[in-house]
Amino acid sequence: MDRQVIEQKLESLRRCLARIRQKNPVTVAELVSDPDAQDVLTLNLTRAVQRHETNG
């Protein structure tokens, strides 16, 4: 795999993880009561997994 492609994937993964850290509530109760945080976490976890799984 091309080095530039790997670097792009890593940067994308870093952005996903940063968003997860930013929106991760302190307690489960906070997460349950915040649908926006749920959406952000779900979307970025999904993206992170997809970035890891895709080739090329």
PDB file of N, CA and C in Angstrom:
ATOM      1  N   MET A   1       0.848  -1.169   0.000  1.00  0.00           N
ATOM      2  CA  MET A   1       0.000   0.000   0.000  1.00  0.00           C
ATOM      3  C   MET A   1       0.899   1.239   0.000  1.00  0.00           C
ATOM      4  N   ASP A   2       0.508   2.223  -0.721  1.00  0.00           N
ATOM      5  CA  ASP A   2       1.238   3.475  -0.858  1.00  0.00           C
ATOM      6  C   ASP A   2       1.345   4.203   0.492  1.00  0.00           C
ATOM      7  N   ARG A   3       2.514   4.738   0.777  1.00  0.00           N
ATOM      8  CA  ARG A   3       2.739   5.437   2.048  1.00  0.00           C
ATOM      9  C   ARG A   3       1.756   6.591   2.250  1.00  0.00           C
ATOM     10  N   GLN A   4       1.472   7.338   1.197  1.00  0.00           N
ATOM     11  CA  GLN A   4       0.544   8.462   1.300  1.00  0.00           C
ATOM     12  C   GLN A   4      -0.861   7.980   1.674  1.00  0.00           C
ATOM     13  N   VAL A   5      -1.285   6.875   1.110  1.00  0.00           N
ATOM     14  CA  VAL A   5      -2.599   6.309   1.433  1.00  0.00           C
ATOM     15  C   VAL A   5      -2.643   5.912   2.905  1.00  0.00           C
ATOM     16  N   ILE A   6      -1.590   5.293   3.384  1.00  0.00           N
ATOM     17  CA  ILE A   6      -1.526   4.888   4.787  1.00  0.00           C
ATOM     18  C   ILE A   6      -1.584   6.115   5.696  1.00  0.00           C
ATOM     19  N   GLU A   7      -0.852   7.159   5.352  1.00  0.00           N
ATOM     20  CA  GLU A   7      -0.854   8.382   6.156  1.00  0.00           C
ATOM     21  C   GLU A   7      -2.235   9.032   6.169  1.00  0.00           C
ATOM     22  N   GLN A   8      -2.923   9.011   5.032  1.00  0.00           N
ATOM     23  CA  GLN A   8      -4.277   9.571   4.966  1.00  0.00           C
ATOM     24  C   GLN A   8      -5.236   8.773   5.848  1.00  0.00           C
ATOM     25  N   LYS A   9      -5.112   7.460   5.795  1.00  0.00           N
ATOM     26  CA  LYS A   9      -5.967   6.602   6.624  1.00  0.00           C
ATOM     27  C   LYS A   9      -5.693   6.838   8.105  1.00  0.00           C
ATOM     28  N   LEU A  10      -4.429   6.969   8.468  1.00  0.00           N
ATOM     29  CA  LEU A  10      -4.076   7.224   9.862  1.00  0.00           C
ATOM     30  C   LEU A  10      -4.624   8.575  10.332  1.00  0.00           C
ATOM     31  N   GLU A  11      -4.525   9.587   9.497  1.00  0.00           N
ATOM     32  CA  GLU A  11      -5.046  10.904   9.860  1.00  0.00           C
ATOM     33  C   GLU A  11      -6.560  10.857  10.023  1.00  0.00           C
ATOM     34  N   SER A  12      -7.238  10.152   9.146  1.00  0.00           N
ATOM     35  CA  SER A  12      -8.680  10.003   9.250  1.00  0.00           C
ATOM     36  C   SER A  12      -9.043   9.281  10.548  1.00  0.00           C
ATOM     37  N   LEU A  13      -8.308   8.245  10.874  1.00  0.00           N
ATOM     38  CA  LEU A  13      -8.532   7.500  12.109  1.00  0.00           C
ATOM     39  C   LEU A  13      -8.294   8.396  13.322  1.00  0.00           C
ATOM     40  N   ARG A  14      -7.247   9.207  13.284  1.00  0.00           N
ATOM     41  CA  ARG A  14      -6.978  10.141  14.385  1.00  0.00           C
ATOM     42  C   ARG A  14      -8.131  11.126  14.585  1.00  0.00           C
ATOM     43  N   ARG A  15      -8.686  11.629  13.477  1.00  0.00           N
ATOM     44  CA  ARG A  15      -9.817  12.560  13.574  1.00  0.00           C
ATOM     45  C   ARG A  15     -11.035  11.880  14.206  1.00  0.00           C
ATOM     46  N   CYS A  16     -11.294  10.655  13.794  1.00  0.00           N
ATOM     47  CA  CYS A  16     -12.418   9.906  14.377  1.00  0.00           C
ATOM     48  C   CYS A  16     -12.218   9.721  15.875  1.00  0.00           C
ATOM     49  N   LEU A  17     -11.031   9.322  16.260  1.00  0.00           N
ATOM     50  CA  LEU A  17     -10.747   9.096  17.680  1.00  0.00           C
ATOM     51  C   LEU A  17     -10.824  10.394  18.481  1.00  0.00           C
ATOM     52  N   ALA A  18     -10.397  11.496  17.892  1.00  0.00           N
ATOM     53  CA  ALA A  18     -10.477  12.790  18.577  1.00  0.00           C
ATOM     54  C   ALA A  18     -11.942  13.169  18.825  1.00  0.00           C
ATOM     55  N   ARG A  19     -12.787  12.962  17.834  1.00  0.00           N
ATOM     56  CA  ARG A  19     -14.215  13.265  18.005  1.00  0.00           C
ATOM     57  C   ARG A  19     -14.840  12.375  19.067  1.00  0.00           C
ATOM     58  N   ILE A  20     -14.439  11.121  19.101  1.00  0.00           N
ATOM     59  CA  ILE A  20     -14.944  10.205  20.124  1.00  0.00           C
ATOM     60  C   ILE A  20     -14.542  10.710  21.508  1.00  0.00           C
ATOM     61  N   ARG A  21     -13.283  11.108  21.653  1.00  0.00           N
ATOM     62  CA  ARG A  21     -12.825  11.622  22.940  1.00  0.00           C
ATOM     63  C   ARG A  21     -13.575  12.899  23.346  1.00  0.00           C
ATOM     64  N   GLN A  22     -13.817  13.773  22.370  1.00  0.00           N
ATOM     65  CA  GLN A  22     -14.498  15.040  22.656  1.00  0.00           C
ATOM     66  C   GLN A  22     -15.941  14.847  23.119  1.00  0.00           C
ATOM     67  N   LYS A  23     -16.615  13.888  22.529  1.00  0.00           N
ATOM     68  CA  LYS A  23     -18.044  13.704  22.799  1.00  0.00           C
ATOM     69  C   LYS A  23     -18.351  12.576  23.786  1.00  0.00           C
ATOM     70  N   ASN A  24     -17.336  11.902  24.276  1.00  0.00           N
ATOM     71  CA  ASN A  24     -17.550  10.793  25.195  1.00  0.00           C
ATOM     72  C   ASN A  24     -17.990  11.331  26.556  1.00  0.00           C
ATOM     73  N   PRO A  25     -19.238  11.073  26.954  1.00  0.00           N
ATOM     74  CA  PRO A  25     -19.701  11.581  28.240  1.00  0.00           C
ATOM     75  C   PRO A  25     -19.032  10.849  29.403  1.00  0.00           C
ATOM     76  N   VAL A  26     -19.102  11.465  30.562  1.00  0.00           N
ATOM     77  CA  VAL A  26     -18.459  10.911  31.749  1.00  0.00           C
ATOM     78  C   VAL A  26     -19.198   9.675  32.254  1.00  0.00           C
ATOM     79  N   THR A  27     -20.522   9.691  32.144  1.00  0.00           N
ATOM     80  CA  THR A  27     -21.305   8.569  32.676  1.00  0.00           C
ATOM     81  C   THR A  27     -22.205   7.977  31.586  1.00  0.00           C
ATOM     82  N   VAL A  28     -22.640   6.771  31.828  1.00  0.00           N
ATOM     83  CA  VAL A  28     -23.575   6.114  30.912  1.00  0.00           C
ATOM     84  C   VAL A  28     -24.895   6.878  30.888  1.00  0.00           C
ATOM     85  N   ALA A  29     -25.320   7.381  32.038  1.00  0.00           N
ATOM     86  CA  ALA A  29     -26.581   8.135  32.102  1.00  0.00           C
ATOM     87  C   ALA A  29     -26.527   9.356  31.192  1.00  0.00           C
ATOM     88  N   GLU A  30     -25.390  10.040  31.153  1.00  0.00           N
ATOM     89  CA  GLU A  30     -25.246  11.189  30.264  1.00  0.00           C
ATOM     90  C   GLU A  30     -25.345  10.763  28.806  1.00  0.00           C
ATOM     91  N   LEU A  31     -24.735   9.645  28.482  1.00  0.00           N
ATOM     92  CA  LEU A  31     -24.798   9.144  27.109  1.00  0.00           C
ATOM     93  C   LEU A  31     -26.231   8.783  26.728  1.00  0.00           C
ATOM     94  N   VAL A  32     -26.926   8.112  27.629  1.00  0.00           N
ATOM     95  CA  VAL A  32     -28.302   7.698  27.367  1.00  0.00           C
ATOM     96  C   VAL A  32     -29.199   8.908  27.128  1.00  0.00           C
ATOM     97  N   SER A  33     -28.925  10.002  27.818  1.00  0.00           N
ATOM     98  CA  SER A  33     -29.791  11.174  27.700  1.00  0.00           C
ATOM     99  C   SER A  33     -29.345  12.156  26.613  1.00  0.00           C
ATOM    100  N   ASP A  34     -28.300  11.830  25.876  1.00  0.00           N
ATOM    101  CA  ASP A  34     -27.779  12.754  24.854  1.00  0.00           C
ATOM    102  C   ASP A  34     -27.721  12.069  23.491  1.00  0.00           C
ATOM    103  N   PRO A  35     -28.806  12.170  22.724  1.00  0.00           N
ATOM    104  CA  PRO A  35     -28.836  11.504  21.415  1.00  0.00           C
ATOM    105  C   PRO A  35     -27.794  12.045  20.440  1.00  0.00           C
ATOM    106  N   ASP A  36     -27.431  13.310  20.571  1.00  0.00           N
ATOM    107  CA  ASP A  36     -26.401  13.859  19.688  1.00  0.00           C
ATOM    108  C   ASP A  36     -25.048  13.205  19.956  1.00  0.00           C
ATOM    109  N   ALA A  37     -24.703  13.048  21.218  1.00  0.00           N
ATOM    110  CA  ALA A  37     -23.448  12.366  21.567  1.00  0.00           C
ATOM    111  C   ALA A  37     -23.486  10.922  21.073  1.00  0.00           C
ATOM    112  N   GLN A  38     -24.625  10.265  21.209  1.00  0.00           N
ATOM    113  CA  GLN A  38     -24.763   8.898  20.707  1.00  0.00           C
ATOM    114  C   GLN A  38     -24.485   8.843  19.210  1.00  0.00           C
ATOM    115  N   ASP A  39     -25.043   9.793  18.480  1.00  0.00           N
ATOM    116  CA  ASP A  39     -24.843   9.824  17.027  1.00  0.00           C
ATOM    117  C   ASP A  39     -23.375  10.054  16.669  1.00  0.00           C
ATOM    118  N   VAL A  40     -22.742  11.018  17.338  1.00  0.00           N
ATOM    119  CA  VAL A  40     -21.345  11.324  17.056  1.00  0.00           C
ATOM    120  C   VAL A  40     -20.466  10.118  17.360  1.00  0.00           C
ATOM    121  N   LEU A  41     -20.706   9.488  18.502  1.00  0.00           N
ATOM    122  CA  LEU A  41     -19.894   8.320  18.871  1.00  0.00           C
ATOM    123  C   LEU A  41     -20.113   7.167  17.897  1.00  0.00           C
ATOM    124  N   THR A  42     -21.366   6.892  17.579  1.00  0.00           N
ATOM    125  CA  THR A  42     -21.673   5.791  16.660  1.00  0.00           C
ATOM    126  C   THR A  42     -21.049   6.023  15.291  1.00  0.00           C
ATOM    127  N   LEU A  43     -21.234   7.218  14.762  1.00  0.00           N
ATOM    128  CA  LEU A  43     -20.700   7.538  13.442  1.00  0.00           C
ATOM    129  C   LEU A  43     -19.176   7.401  13.414  1.00  0.00           C
ATOM    130  N   ASN A  44     -18.516   7.952  14.407  1.00  0.00           N
ATOM    131  CA  ASN A  44     -17.060   7.936  14.391  1.00  0.00           C
ATOM    132  C   ASN A  44     -16.477   6.566  14.719  1.00  0.00           C
ATOM    133  N   LEU A  45     -17.141   5.789  15.543  1.00  0.00           N
ATOM    134  CA  LEU A  45     -16.697   4.405  15.757  1.00  0.00           C
ATOM    135  C   LEU A  45     -16.837   3.603  14.466  1.00  0.00           C
ATOM    136  N   THR A  46     -17.963   3.794  13.771  1.00  0.00           N
ATOM    137  CA  THR A  46     -18.180   3.104  12.500  1.00  0.00           C
ATOM    138  C   THR A  46     -17.120   3.499  11.479  1.00  0.00           C
ATOM    139  N   ARG A  47     -16.876   4.794  11.373  1.00  0.00           N
ATOM    140  CA  ARG A  47     -15.848   5.271  10.433  1.00  0.00           C
ATOM    141  C   ARG A  47     -14.470   4.712  10.776  1.00  0.00           C
ATOM    142  N   ALA A  48     -14.137   4.699  12.059  1.00  0.00           N
ATOM    143  CA  ALA A  48     -12.822   4.198  12.473  1.00  0.00           C
ATOM    144  C   ALA A  48     -12.656   2.733  12.074  1.00  0.00           C
ATOM    145  N   VAL A  49     -13.689   1.945  12.288  1.00  0.00           N
ATOM    146  CA  VAL A  49     -13.631   0.529  11.911  1.00  0.00           C
ATOM    147  C   VAL A  49     -13.534   0.383  10.400  1.00  0.00           C
ATOM    148  N   GLN A  50     -14.304   1.168   9.661  1.00  0.00           N
ATOM    149  CA  GLN A  50     -14.262   1.088   8.206  1.00  0.00           C
ATOM    150  C   GLN A  50     -12.895   1.500   7.665  1.00  0.00           C
ATOM    151  N   ARG A  51     -12.285   2.537   8.245  1.00  0.00           N
ATOM    152  CA  ARG A  51     -10.968   2.969   7.795  1.00  0.00           C
ATOM    153  C   ARG A  51      -9.947   1.869   8.023  1.00  0.00           C
ATOM    154  N   HIS A  52     -10.097   1.171   9.136  1.00  0.00           N
ATOM    155  CA  HIS A  52      -9.168   0.095   9.466  1.00  0.00           C
ATOM    156  C   HIS A  52      -9.327  -1.088   8.509  1.00  0.00           C
ATOM    157  N   GLU A  53     -10.564  -1.353   8.095  1.00  0.00           N
ATOM    158  CA  GLU A  53     -10.849  -2.539   7.276  1.00  0.00           C
ATOM    159  C   GLU A  53     -10.603  -2.335   5.797  1.00  0.00           C
ATOM    160  N   THR A  54     -10.673  -1.097   5.300  1.00  0.00           N
ATOM    161  CA  THR A  54     -10.570  -0.893   3.854  1.00  0.00           C
ATOM    162  C   THR A  54      -9.131  -0.991   3.377  1.00  0.00           C
ATOM    163  N   ASN A  55      -8.995  -1.528   2.208  1.00  0.00           N
ATOM    164  CA  ASN A  55      -7.680  -1.638   1.552  1.00  0.00           C
ATOM    165  C   ASN A  55      -7.690  -0.745   0.338  1.00  0.00           C
ATOM    166  N   GLY A  56      -6.603   0.050   0.192  1.00  0.00           N
ATOM    167  CA  GLY A  56      -6.454   0.860  -1.018  1.00  0.00           C
ATOM    168  C   GLY A  56      -7.105   2.162  -0.987  1.00  0.00           C
TER     169      GLY A  56
END
